[in-house]
Amino acid sequence: MSATPPPSVAEESPFFACLRRNGVRLPEDERPGGDEQRMLRGVENCASVLDVRRPVRIPVTKGDRFQACLAEHGVELPEPGRWLVLERGKTRTMDSALQQC
């Protein structure tokens, strides 16, 4: 699996606009060697604008509390630097984790 985002998910979501407002440089910061701390702050600051009624992709980062919560509730996370697609109705595990987190 590459760090390239899935083509089926629109990039200009409110989440990605928020990441950019928070100084995240896409695609540079999402790649190996990118600024992990800037990406982590962006993901945490923008988690509230995730709209998971439709599929949304988020970059997996080390130390992200939201992603740690998903993992604690059974969601398998890709390696940091890869993408996680959040989608309600895809699995019971995902739905439950999204409710809890």
PDB file of N, CA and C in Angstrom:
ATOM      1  N   MET A   1       0.855  -1.174   0.000  1.00  0.00           N
ATOM      2  CA  MET A   1       0.000   0.000   0.000  1.00  0.00           C
ATOM      3  C   MET A   1       0.899   1.235   0.000  1.00  0.00           C
ATOM      4  N   SER A   2       0.581   2.185  -0.846  1.00  0.00           N
ATOM      5  CA  SER A   2       1.401   3.394  -0.918  1.00  0.00           C
ATOM      6  C   SER A   2       0.763   4.508  -0.109  1.00  0.00           C
ATOM      7  N   ALA A   3       1.509   5.584   0.057  1.00  0.00           N
ATOM      8  CA  ALA A   3       0.998   6.739   0.787  1.00  0.00           C
ATOM      9  C   ALA A   3       0.108   7.592  -0.089  1.00  0.00           C
ATOM     10  N   THR A   4      -0.042   7.251  -1.357  1.00  0.00           N
ATOM     11  CA  THR A   4      -0.897   8.004  -2.259  1.00  0.00           C
ATOM     12  C   THR A   4      -2.347   7.802  -1.852  1.00  0.00           C
ATOM     13  N   PRO A   5      -3.119   8.889  -1.769  1.00  0.00           N
ATOM     14  CA  PRO A   5      -4.499   8.772  -1.327  1.00  0.00           C
ATOM     15  C   PRO A   5      -5.363   8.004  -2.322  1.00  0.00           C
ATOM     16  N   PRO A   6      -6.400   7.349  -1.823  1.00  0.00           N
ATOM     17  CA  PRO A   6      -7.315   6.663  -2.717  1.00  0.00           C
ATOM     18  C   PRO A   6      -7.972   7.676  -3.656  1.00  0.00           C
ATOM     19  N   PRO A   7      -8.064   7.388  -4.958  1.00  0.00           N
ATOM     20  CA  PRO A   7      -8.627   8.356  -5.884  1.00  0.00           C
ATOM     21  C   PRO A   7     -10.122   8.530  -5.736  1.00  0.00           C
ATOM     22  N   SER A   8     -10.817   7.607  -5.064  1.00  0.00           N
ATOM     23  CA  SER A   8     -12.271   7.678  -4.966  1.00  0.00           C
ATOM     24  C   SER A   8     -12.757   8.666  -3.909  1.00  0.00           C
ATOM     25  N   VAL A   9     -11.857   9.220  -3.123  1.00  0.00           N
ATOM     26  CA  VAL A   9     -12.265  10.122  -2.049  1.00  0.00           C
ATOM     27  C   VAL A   9     -11.823  11.533  -2.413  1.00  0.00           C
ATOM     28  N   ALA A  10     -12.766  12.456  -2.427  1.00  0.00           N
ATOM     29  CA  ALA A  10     -12.456  13.830  -2.832  1.00  0.00           C
ATOM     30  C   ALA A  10     -11.454  14.458  -1.879  1.00  0.00           C
ATOM     31  N   GLU A  11     -10.429  15.101  -2.445  1.00  0.00           N
ATOM     32  CA  GLU A  11      -9.395  15.714  -1.610  1.00  0.00           C
ATOM     33  C   GLU A  11      -9.881  17.001  -0.959  1.00  0.00           C
ATOM     34  N   GLU A  12     -10.698  17.786  -1.632  1.00  0.00           N
ATOM     35  CA  GLU A  12     -11.070  19.079  -1.075  1.00  0.00           C
ATOM     36  C   GLU A  12     -12.261  18.984  -0.127  1.00  0.00           C
ATOM     37  N   SER A  13     -12.150  18.136   0.833  1.00  0.00           N
ATOM     38  CA  SER A  13     -13.161  18.030   1.875  1.00  0.00           C
ATOM     39  C   SER A  13     -12.898  19.124   2.902  1.00  0.00           C
ATOM     40  N   PRO A  14     -13.865  19.404   3.769  1.00  0.00           N
ATOM     41  CA  PRO A  14     -13.614  20.372   4.850  1.00  0.00           C
ATOM     42  C   PRO A  14     -12.424  19.957   5.710  1.00  0.00           C
ATOM     43  N   PHE A  15     -12.208  18.657   5.862  1.00  0.00           N
ATOM     44  CA  PHE A  15     -11.075  18.176   6.649  1.00  0.00           C
ATOM     45  C   PHE A  15      -9.753  18.615   6.019  1.00  0.00           C
ATOM     46  N   PHE A  16      -9.622  18.429   4.708  1.00  0.00           N
ATOM     47  CA  PHE A  16      -8.376  18.810   4.054  1.00  0.00           C
ATOM     48  C   PHE A  16      -8.186  20.319   4.023  1.00  0.00           C
ATOM     49  N   ALA A  17      -9.276  21.054   3.863  1.00  0.00           N
ATOM     50  CA  ALA A  17      -9.173  22.511   3.922  1.00  0.00           C
ATOM     51  C   ALA A  17      -8.689  22.940   5.308  1.00  0.00           C
ATOM     52  N   CYS A  18      -9.185  22.280   6.356  1.00  0.00           N
ATOM     53  CA  CYS A  18      -8.760  22.570   7.723  1.00  0.00           C
ATOM     54  C   CYS A  18      -7.283  22.243   7.905  1.00  0.00           C
ATOM     55  N   LEU A  19      -6.841  21.093   7.384  1.00  0.00           N
ATOM     56  CA  LEU A  19      -5.425  20.745   7.481  1.00  0.00           C
ATOM     57  C   LEU A  19      -4.566  21.851   6.887  1.00  0.00           C
ATOM     58  N   ARG A  20      -4.949  22.334   5.730  1.00  0.00           N
ATOM     59  CA  ARG A  20      -4.173  23.393   5.081  1.00  0.00           C
ATOM     60  C   ARG A  20      -4.177  24.669   5.918  1.00  0.00           C
ATOM     61  N   ARG A  21      -5.334  25.018   6.478  1.00  0.00           N
ATOM     62  CA  ARG A  21      -5.405  26.216   7.348  1.00  0.00           C
ATOM     63  C   ARG A  21      -4.509  26.068   8.575  1.00  0.00           C
ATOM     64  N   ASN A  22      -4.276  24.831   8.991  1.00  0.00           N
ATOM     65  CA  ASN A  22      -3.433  24.565  10.150  1.00  0.00           C
ATOM     66  C   ASN A  22      -1.969  24.362   9.764  1.00  0.00           C
ATOM     67  N   GLY A  23      -1.619  24.727   8.542  1.00  0.00           N
ATOM     68  CA  GLY A  23      -0.231  24.717   8.122  1.00  0.00           C
ATOM     69  C   GLY A  23       0.289  23.412   7.551  1.00  0.00           C
ATOM     70  N   VAL A  24      -0.571  22.423   7.408  1.00  0.00           N
ATOM     71  CA  VAL A  24      -0.125  21.146   6.852  1.00  0.00           C
ATOM     72  C   VAL A  24       0.066  21.333   5.345  1.00  0.00           C
ATOM     73  N   ARG A  25       1.209  20.905   4.880  1.00  0.00           N
ATOM     74  CA  ARG A  25       1.513  20.961   3.449  1.00  0.00           C
ATOM     75  C   ARG A  25       1.225  19.597   2.848  1.00  0.00           C
ATOM     76  N   LEU A  26       0.239  19.559   1.974  1.00  0.00           N
ATOM     77  CA  LEU A  26      -0.109  18.314   1.303  1.00  0.00           C
ATOM     78  C   LEU A  26       0.394  18.370  -0.126  1.00  0.00           C
ATOM     79  N   PRO A  27       1.031  17.379  -0.624  1.00  0.00           N
ATOM     80  CA  PRO A  27       1.223  16.059  -0.036  1.00  0.00           C
ATOM     81  C   PRO A  27       2.542  15.913   0.724  1.00  0.00           C
ATOM     82  N   GLU A  28       3.340  16.972   0.819  1.00  0.00           N
ATOM     83  CA  GLU A  28       4.684  16.854   1.389  1.00  0.00           C
ATOM     84  C   GLU A  28       4.710  16.281   2.798  1.00  0.00           C
ATOM     85  N   ASP A  29       3.856  16.782   3.710  1.00  0.00           N
ATOM     86  CA  ASP A  29       3.904  16.345   5.107  1.00  0.00           C
ATOM     87  C   ASP A  29       3.373  14.941   5.327  1.00  0.00           C
ATOM     88  N   GLU A  30       2.621  14.416   4.364  1.00  0.00           N
ATOM     89  CA  GLU A  30       2.064  13.077   4.524  1.00  0.00           C
ATOM     90  C   GLU A  30       3.036  11.987   4.084  1.00  0.00           C
ATOM     91  N   ARG A  31       4.089  12.357   3.442  1.00  0.00           N
ATOM     92  CA  ARG A  31       5.062  11.395   2.928  1.00  0.00           C
ATOM     93  C   ARG A  31       6.151  11.118   3.954  1.00  0.00           C
ATOM     94  N   PRO A  32       6.818   9.978   3.829  1.00  0.00           N
ATOM     95  CA  PRO A  32       7.967   9.724   4.711  1.00  0.00           C
ATOM     96  C   PRO A  32       8.957  10.883   4.609  1.00  0.00           C
ATOM     97  N   GLY A  33       9.425  11.339   5.738  1.00  0.00           N
ATOM     98  CA  GLY A  33      10.329  12.482   5.769  1.00  0.00           C
ATOM     99  C   GLY A  33       9.598  13.802   5.904  1.00  0.00           C
ATOM    100  N   GLY A  34       8.261  13.772   5.875  1.00  0.00           N
ATOM    101  CA  GLY A  34       7.475  14.988   6.053  1.00  0.00           C
ATOM    102  C   GLY A  34       7.478  15.406   7.515  1.00  0.00           C
ATOM    103  N   ASP A  35       6.855  16.509   7.813  1.00  0.00           N
ATOM    104  CA  ASP A  35       6.820  17.043   9.176  1.00  0.00           C
ATOM    105  C   ASP A  35       5.723  16.337   9.973  1.00  0.00           C
ATOM    106  N   GLU A  36       6.106  15.284  10.700  1.00  0.00           N
ATOM    107  CA  GLU A  36       5.129  14.492  11.458  1.00  0.00           C
ATOM    108  C   GLU A  36       4.419  15.306  12.526  1.00  0.00           C
ATOM    109  N   GLN A  37       5.124  16.185  13.200  1.00  0.00           N
ATOM    110  CA  GLN A  37       4.502  16.986  14.256  1.00  0.00           C
ATOM    111  C   GLN A  37       3.453  17.937  13.678  1.00  0.00           C
ATOM    112  N   ARG A  38       3.752  18.557  12.546  1.00  0.00           N
ATOM    113  CA  ARG A  38       2.776  19.457  11.912  1.00  0.00           C
ATOM    114  C   ARG A  38       1.559  18.645  11.492  1.00  0.00           C
ATOM    115  N   MET A  39       1.788  17.454  10.933  1.00  0.00           N
ATOM    116  CA  MET A  39       0.678  16.599  10.512  1.00  0.00           C
ATOM    117  C   MET A  39      -0.148  16.168  11.724  1.00  0.00           C
ATOM    118  N   LEU A  40       0.505  15.771  12.806  1.00  0.00           N
ATOM    119  CA  LEU A  40      -0.195  15.363  14.019  1.00  0.00           C
ATOM    120  C   LEU A  40      -1.064  16.499  14.554  1.00  0.00           C
ATOM    121  N   ARG A  41      -0.494  17.702  14.675  1.00  0.00           N
ATOM    122  CA  ARG A  41      -1.283  18.853  15.157  1.00  0.00           C
ATOM    123  C   ARG A  41      -2.463  19.121  14.234  1.00  0.00           C
ATOM    124  N   GLY A  42      -2.238  19.048  12.928  1.00  0.00           N
ATOM    125  CA  GLY A  42      -3.325  19.292  11.977  1.00  0.00           C
ATOM    126  C   GLY A  42      -4.440  18.280  12.114  1.00  0.00           C
ATOM    127  N   VAL A  43      -4.089  17.001  12.200  1.00  0.00           N
ATOM    128  CA  VAL A  43      -5.107  15.954  12.321  1.00  0.00           C
ATOM    129  C   VAL A  43      -5.899  16.142  13.615  1.00  0.00           C
ATOM    130  N   GLU A  44      -5.209  16.418  14.715  1.00  0.00           N
ATOM    131  CA  GLU A  44      -5.917  16.604  15.989  1.00  0.00           C
ATOM    132  C   GLU A  44      -6.795  17.867  15.964  1.00  0.00           C
ATOM    133  N   ASN A  45      -6.303  18.946  15.378  1.00  0.00           N
ATOM    134  CA  ASN A  45      -7.082  20.186  15.326  1.00  0.00           C
ATOM    135  C   ASN A  45      -8.286  20.079  14.403  1.00  0.00           C
ATOM    136  N   CYS A  46      -8.220  19.186  13.442  1.00  0.00           N
ATOM    137  CA  CYS A  46      -9.268  19.108  12.429  1.00  0.00           C
ATOM    138  C   CYS A  46     -10.202  17.908  12.589  1.00  0.00           C
ATOM    139  N   ALA A  47      -9.988  17.081  13.583  1.00  0.00           N
ATOM    140  CA  ALA A  47     -10.822  15.882  13.761  1.00  0.00           C
ATOM    141  C   ALA A  47     -12.299  16.235  13.871  1.00  0.00           C
ATOM    142  N   SER A  48     -12.603  17.392  14.430  1.00  0.00           N
ATOM    143  CA  SER A  48     -14.008  17.763  14.635  1.00  0.00           C
ATOM    144  C   SER A  48     -14.744  18.043  13.321  1.00  0.00           C
ATOM    145  N   VAL A  49     -14.026  18.283  12.231  1.00  0.00           N
ATOM    146  CA  VAL A  49     -14.706  18.571  10.964  1.00  0.00           C
ATOM    147  C   VAL A  49     -14.804  17.344  10.057  1.00  0.00           C
ATOM    148  N   LEU A  50     -14.368  16.186  10.567  1.00  0.00           N
ATOM    149  CA  LEU A  50     -14.525  14.970   9.777  1.00  0.00           C
ATOM    150  C   LEU A  50     -16.005  14.675   9.597  1.00  0.00           C
ATOM    151  N   ASP A  51     -16.424  14.449   8.380  1.00  0.00           N
ATOM    152  CA  ASP A  51     -17.803  14.085   8.078  1.00  0.00           C
ATOM    153  C   ASP A  51     -17.773  12.637   7.606  1.00  0.00           C
ATOM    154  N   VAL A  52     -18.023  11.721   8.506  1.00  0.00           N
ATOM    155  CA  VAL A  52     -17.899  10.306   8.160  1.00  0.00           C
ATOM    156  C   VAL A  52     -19.204   9.718   7.638  1.00  0.00           C
ATOM    157  N   ARG A  53     -20.143  10.581   7.260  1.00  0.00           N
ATOM    158  CA  ARG A  53     -21.337  10.055   6.594  1.00  0.00           C
ATOM    159  C   ARG A  53     -20.998   9.634   5.175  1.00  0.00           C
ATOM    160  N   ARG A  54     -19.878  10.132   4.682  1.00  0.00           N
ATOM    161  CA  ARG A  54     -19.342   9.680   3.395  1.00  0.00           C
ATOM    162  C   ARG A  54     -17.885   9.319   3.639  1.00  0.00           C
ATOM    163  N   PRO A  55     -17.292   8.483   2.804  1.00  0.00           N
ATOM    164  CA  PRO A  55     -15.905   8.081   3.043  1.00  0.00           C
ATOM    165  C   PRO A  55     -14.967   9.283   3.114  1.00  0.00           C
ATOM    166  N   VAL A  56     -14.077   9.251   4.065  1.00  0.00           N
ATOM    167  CA  VAL A  56     -13.062  10.298   4.181  1.00  0.00           C
ATOM    168  C   VAL A  56     -11.743   9.624   4.525  1.00  0.00           C
ATOM    169  N   ARG A  57     -10.675  10.107   3.946  1.00  0.00           N
ATOM    170  CA  ARG A  57      -9.368   9.535   4.220  1.00  0.00           C
ATOM    171  C   ARG A  57      -8.623  10.450   5.173  1.00  0.00           C
ATOM    172  N   ILE A  58      -7.899   9.844   6.080  1.00  0.00           N
ATOM    173  CA  ILE A  58      -7.057  10.623   6.986  1.00  0.00           C
ATOM    174  C   ILE A  58      -5.666  10.013   6.991  1.00  0.00           C
ATOM    175  N   PRO A  59      -4.648  10.860   7.075  1.00  0.00           N
ATOM    176  CA  PRO A  59      -3.291  10.320   7.146  1.00  0.00           C
ATOM    177  C   PRO A  59      -3.047   9.738   8.534  1.00  0.00           C
ATOM    178  N   VAL A  60      -2.440   8.580   8.589  1.00  0.00           N
ATOM    179  CA  VAL A  60      -2.124   7.941   9.866  1.00  0.00           C
ATOM    180  C   VAL A  60      -0.838   8.571  10.402  1.00  0.00           C
ATOM    181  N   THR A  61      -0.899   9.050  11.644  1.00  0.00           N
ATOM    182  CA  THR A  61       0.252   9.687  12.276  1.00  0.00           C
ATOM    183  C   THR A  61       0.512   9.054  13.628  1.00  0.00           C
ATOM    184  N   LYS A  62       1.746   9.082  14.067  1.00  0.00           N
ATOM    185  CA  LYS A  62       2.107   8.563  15.394  1.00  0.00           C
ATOM    186  C   LYS A  62       1.588   9.529  16.442  1.00  0.00           C
ATOM    187  N   GLY A  63       1.036   8.997  17.515  1.00  0.00           N
ATOM    188  CA  GLY A  63       0.640   9.821  18.652  1.00  0.00           C
ATOM    189  C   GLY A  63      -0.719  10.477  18.545  1.00  0.00           C
ATOM    190  N   ASP A  64      -1.479  10.211  17.497  1.00  0.00           N
ATOM    191  CA  ASP A  64      -2.797  10.831  17.340  1.00  0.00           C
ATOM    192  C   ASP A  64      -3.798  10.165  18.282  1.00  0.00           C
ATOM    193  N   ARG A  65      -4.437  10.949  19.135  1.00  0.00           N
ATOM    194  CA  ARG A  65      -5.369  10.396  20.132  1.00  0.00           C
ATOM    195  C   ARG A  65      -6.604   9.770  19.492  1.00  0.00           C
ATOM    196  N   PHE A  66      -7.147  10.426  18.462  1.00  0.00           N
ATOM    197  CA  PHE A  66      -8.327   9.902  17.781  1.00  0.00           C
ATOM    198  C   PHE A  66      -8.015   8.541  17.159  1.00  0.00           C
ATOM    199  N   GLN A  67      -6.878   8.435  16.484  1.00  0.00           N
ATOM    200  CA  GLN A  67      -6.504   7.175  15.862  1.00  0.00           C
ATOM    201  C   GLN A  67      -6.201   6.105  16.905  1.00  0.00           C
ATOM    202  N   ALA A  68      -5.599   6.506  18.020  1.00  0.00           N
ATOM    203  CA  ALA A  68      -5.351   5.552  19.101  1.00  0.00           C
ATOM    204  C   ALA A  68      -6.675   5.011  19.636  1.00  0.00           C
ATOM    205  N   CYS A  69      -7.668   5.877  19.749  1.00  0.00           N
ATOM    206  CA  CYS A  69      -8.995   5.459  20.211  1.00  0.00           C
ATOM    207  C   CYS A  69      -9.616   4.472  19.225  1.00  0.00           C
ATOM    208  N   LEU A  70      -9.504   4.767  17.928  1.00  0.00           N
ATOM    209  CA  LEU A  70     -10.031   3.837  16.928  1.00  0.00           C
ATOM    210  C   LEU A  70      -9.384   2.464  17.080  1.00  0.00           C
ATOM    211  N   ALA A  71      -8.061   2.457  17.244  1.00  0.00           N
ATOM    212  CA  ALA A  71      -7.332   1.189  17.393  1.00  0.00           C
ATOM    213  C   ALA A  71      -7.766   0.451  18.658  1.00  0.00           C
ATOM    214  N   GLU A  72      -7.963   1.190  19.753  1.00  0.00           N
ATOM    215  CA  GLU A  72      -8.418   0.575  21.002  1.00  0.00           C
ATOM    216  C   GLU A  72      -9.777  -0.084  20.839  1.00  0.00           C
ATOM    217  N   HIS A  73     -10.568   0.397  19.875  1.00  0.00           N
ATOM    218  CA  HIS A  73     -11.896  -0.157  19.631  1.00  0.00           C
ATOM    219  C   HIS A  73     -11.918  -1.111  18.445  1.00  0.00           C
ATOM    220  N   GLY A  74     -10.738  -1.611  18.054  1.00  0.00           N
ATOM    221  CA  GLY A  74     -10.674  -2.696  17.092  1.00  0.00           C
ATOM    222  C   GLY A  74     -10.402  -2.336  15.641  1.00  0.00           C
ATOM    223  N   VAL A  75     -10.257  -1.057  15.324  1.00  0.00           N
ATOM    224  CA  VAL A  75      -9.969  -0.677  13.938  1.00  0.00           C
ATOM    225  C   VAL A  75      -8.485  -0.925  13.660  1.00  0.00           C
ATOM    226  N   GLU A  76      -8.202  -1.654  12.595  1.00  0.00           N
ATOM    227  CA  GLU A  76      -6.812  -1.898  12.220  1.00  0.00           C
ATOM    228  C   GLU A  76      -6.279  -0.680  11.480  1.00  0.00           C
ATOM    229  N   LEU A  77      -5.217  -0.092  12.029  1.00  0.00           N
ATOM    230  CA  LEU A  77      -4.634   1.100  11.415  1.00  0.00           C
ATOM    231  C   LEU A  77      -3.460   0.720  10.526  1.00  0.00           C
ATOM    232  N   PRO A  78      -3.356   1.370   9.368  1.00  0.00           N
ATOM    233  CA  PRO A  78      -2.151   1.183   8.559  1.00  0.00           C
ATOM    234  C   PRO A  78      -0.947   1.808   9.269  1.00  0.00           C
ATOM    235  N   GLU A  79       0.233   1.576   8.738  1.00  0.00           N
ATOM    236  CA  GLU A  79       1.446   2.170   9.290  1.00  0.00           C
ATOM    237  C   GLU A  79       1.393   3.692   9.158  1.00  0.00           C
ATOM    238  N   PRO A  80       2.031   4.429  10.081  1.00  0.00           N
ATOM    239  CA  PRO A  80       2.116   5.890   9.928  1.00  0.00           C
ATOM    240  C   PRO A  80       2.671   6.252   8.550  1.00  0.00           C
ATOM    241  N   GLY A  81       2.091   7.301   7.980  1.00  0.00           N
ATOM    242  CA  GLY A  81       2.462   7.726   6.642  1.00  0.00           C
ATOM    243  C   GLY A  81       1.545   7.154   5.572  1.00  0.00           C
ATOM    244  N   ARG A  82       0.686   6.223   5.964  1.00  0.00           N
ATOM    245  CA  ARG A  82      -0.289   5.638   5.041  1.00  0.00           C
ATOM    246  C   ARG A  82      -1.645   6.305   5.292  1.00  0.00           C
ATOM    247  N   TRP A  83      -2.660   5.861   4.581  1.00  0.00           N
ATOM    248  CA  TRP A  83      -3.999   6.438   4.690  1.00  0.00           C
ATOM    249  C   TRP A  83      -4.973   5.468   5.338  1.00  0.00           C
ATOM    250  N   LEU A  84      -5.870   6.019   6.124  1.00  0.00           N
ATOM    251  CA  LEU A  84      -6.976   5.259   6.705  1.00  0.00           C
ATOM    252  C   LEU A  84      -8.250   5.862   6.139  1.00  0.00           C
ATOM    253  N   VAL A  85      -9.114   5.036   5.591  1.00  0.00           N
ATOM    254  CA  VAL A  85     -10.397   5.515   5.081  1.00  0.00           C
ATOM    255  C   VAL A  85     -11.455   5.223   6.134  1.00  0.00           C
ATOM    256  N   LEU A  86     -12.117   6.282   6.590  1.00  0.00           N
ATOM    257  CA  LEU A  86     -13.208   6.157   7.556  1.00  0.00           C
ATOM    258  C   LEU A  86     -14.516   6.159   6.783  1.00  0.00           C
ATOM    259  N   GLU A  87     -15.341   5.156   7.038  1.00  0.00           N
ATOM    260  CA  GLU A  87     -16.600   5.054   6.321  1.00  0.00           C
ATOM    261  C   GLU A  87     -17.634   4.372   7.202  1.00  0.00           C
ATOM    262  N   ARG A  88     -18.690   5.099   7.528  1.00  0.00           N
ATOM    263  CA  ARG A  88     -19.775   4.504   8.307  1.00  0.00           C
ATOM    264  C   ARG A  88     -20.467   3.435   7.473  1.00  0.00           C
ATOM    265  N   GLY A  89     -20.893   2.372   8.142  1.00  0.00           N
ATOM    266  CA  GLY A  89     -21.625   1.306   7.480  1.00  0.00           C
ATOM    267  C   GLY A  89     -20.737   0.281   6.796  1.00  0.00           C
ATOM    268  N   LYS A  90     -19.436   0.508   6.788  1.00  0.00           N
ATOM    269  CA  LYS A  90     -18.529  -0.446   6.144  1.00  0.00           C
ATOM    270  C   LYS A  90     -18.373  -1.699   6.998  1.00  0.00           C
ATOM    271  N   THR A  91     -18.141  -1.507   8.307  1.00  0.00           N
ATOM    272  CA  THR A  91     -18.057  -2.633   9.234  1.00  0.00           C
ATOM    273  C   THR A  91     -18.663  -2.215  10.571  1.00  0.00           C
ATOM    274  N   ARG A  92     -19.115  -3.195  11.324  1.00  0.00           N
ATOM    275  CA  ARG A  92     -19.635  -2.903  12.666  1.00  0.00           C
ATOM    276  C   ARG A  92     -18.533  -2.350  13.567  1.00  0.00           C
ATOM    277  N   THR A  93     -17.322  -2.881  13.397  1.00  0.00           N
ATOM    278  CA  THR A  93     -16.196  -2.422  14.218  1.00  0.00           C
ATOM    279  C   THR A  93     -15.948  -0.934  13.979  1.00  0.00           C
ATOM    280  N   MET A  94     -15.916  -0.528  12.704  1.00  0.00           N
ATOM    281  CA  MET A  94     -15.693   0.881  12.378  1.00  0.00           C
ATOM    282  C   MET A  94     -16.820   1.745  12.937  1.00  0.00           C
ATOM    283  N   ASP A  95     -18.057   1.328  12.744  1.00  0.00           N
ATOM    284  CA  ASP A  95     -19.192   2.112  13.245  1.00  0.00           C
ATOM    285  C   ASP A  95     -19.122   2.291  14.749  1.00  0.00           C
ATOM    286  N   SER A  96     -18.822   1.219  15.463  1.00  0.00           N
ATOM    287  CA  SER A  96     -18.738   1.279  16.916  1.00  0.00           C
ATOM    288  C   SER A  96     -17.606   2.199  17.355  1.00  0.00           C
ATOM    289  N   ALA A  97     -16.444   2.059  16.716  1.00  0.00           N
ATOM    290  CA  ALA A  97     -15.292   2.888  17.071  1.00  0.00           C
ATOM    291  C   ALA A  97     -15.580   4.371  16.801  1.00  0.00           C
ATOM    292  N   LEU A  98     -16.213   4.672  15.689  1.00  0.00           N
ATOM    293  CA  LEU A  98     -16.521   6.073  15.375  1.00  0.00           C
ATOM    294  C   LEU A  98     -17.481   6.660  16.412  1.00  0.00           C
ATOM    295  N   GLN A  99     -18.415   5.847  16.889  1.00  0.00           N
ATOM    296  CA  GLN A  99     -19.317   6.312  17.939  1.00  0.00           C
ATOM    297  C   GLN A  99     -18.579   6.595  19.233  1.00  0.00           C
ATOM    298  N   GLN A 100     -17.666   5.723  19.585  1.00  0.00           N
ATOM    299  CA  GLN A 100     -16.939   5.843  20.865  1.00  0.00           C
ATOM    300  C   GLN A 100     -15.895   6.950  20.837  1.00  0.00           C
ATOM    301  N   CYS A 101     -15.315   7.202  19.683  1.00  0.00           N
ATOM    302  CA  CYS A 101     -14.186   8.128  19.610  1.00  0.00           C
ATOM    303  C   CYS A 101     -14.628   9.502  19.161  1.00  0.00           C
TER     304      CYS A 101
END
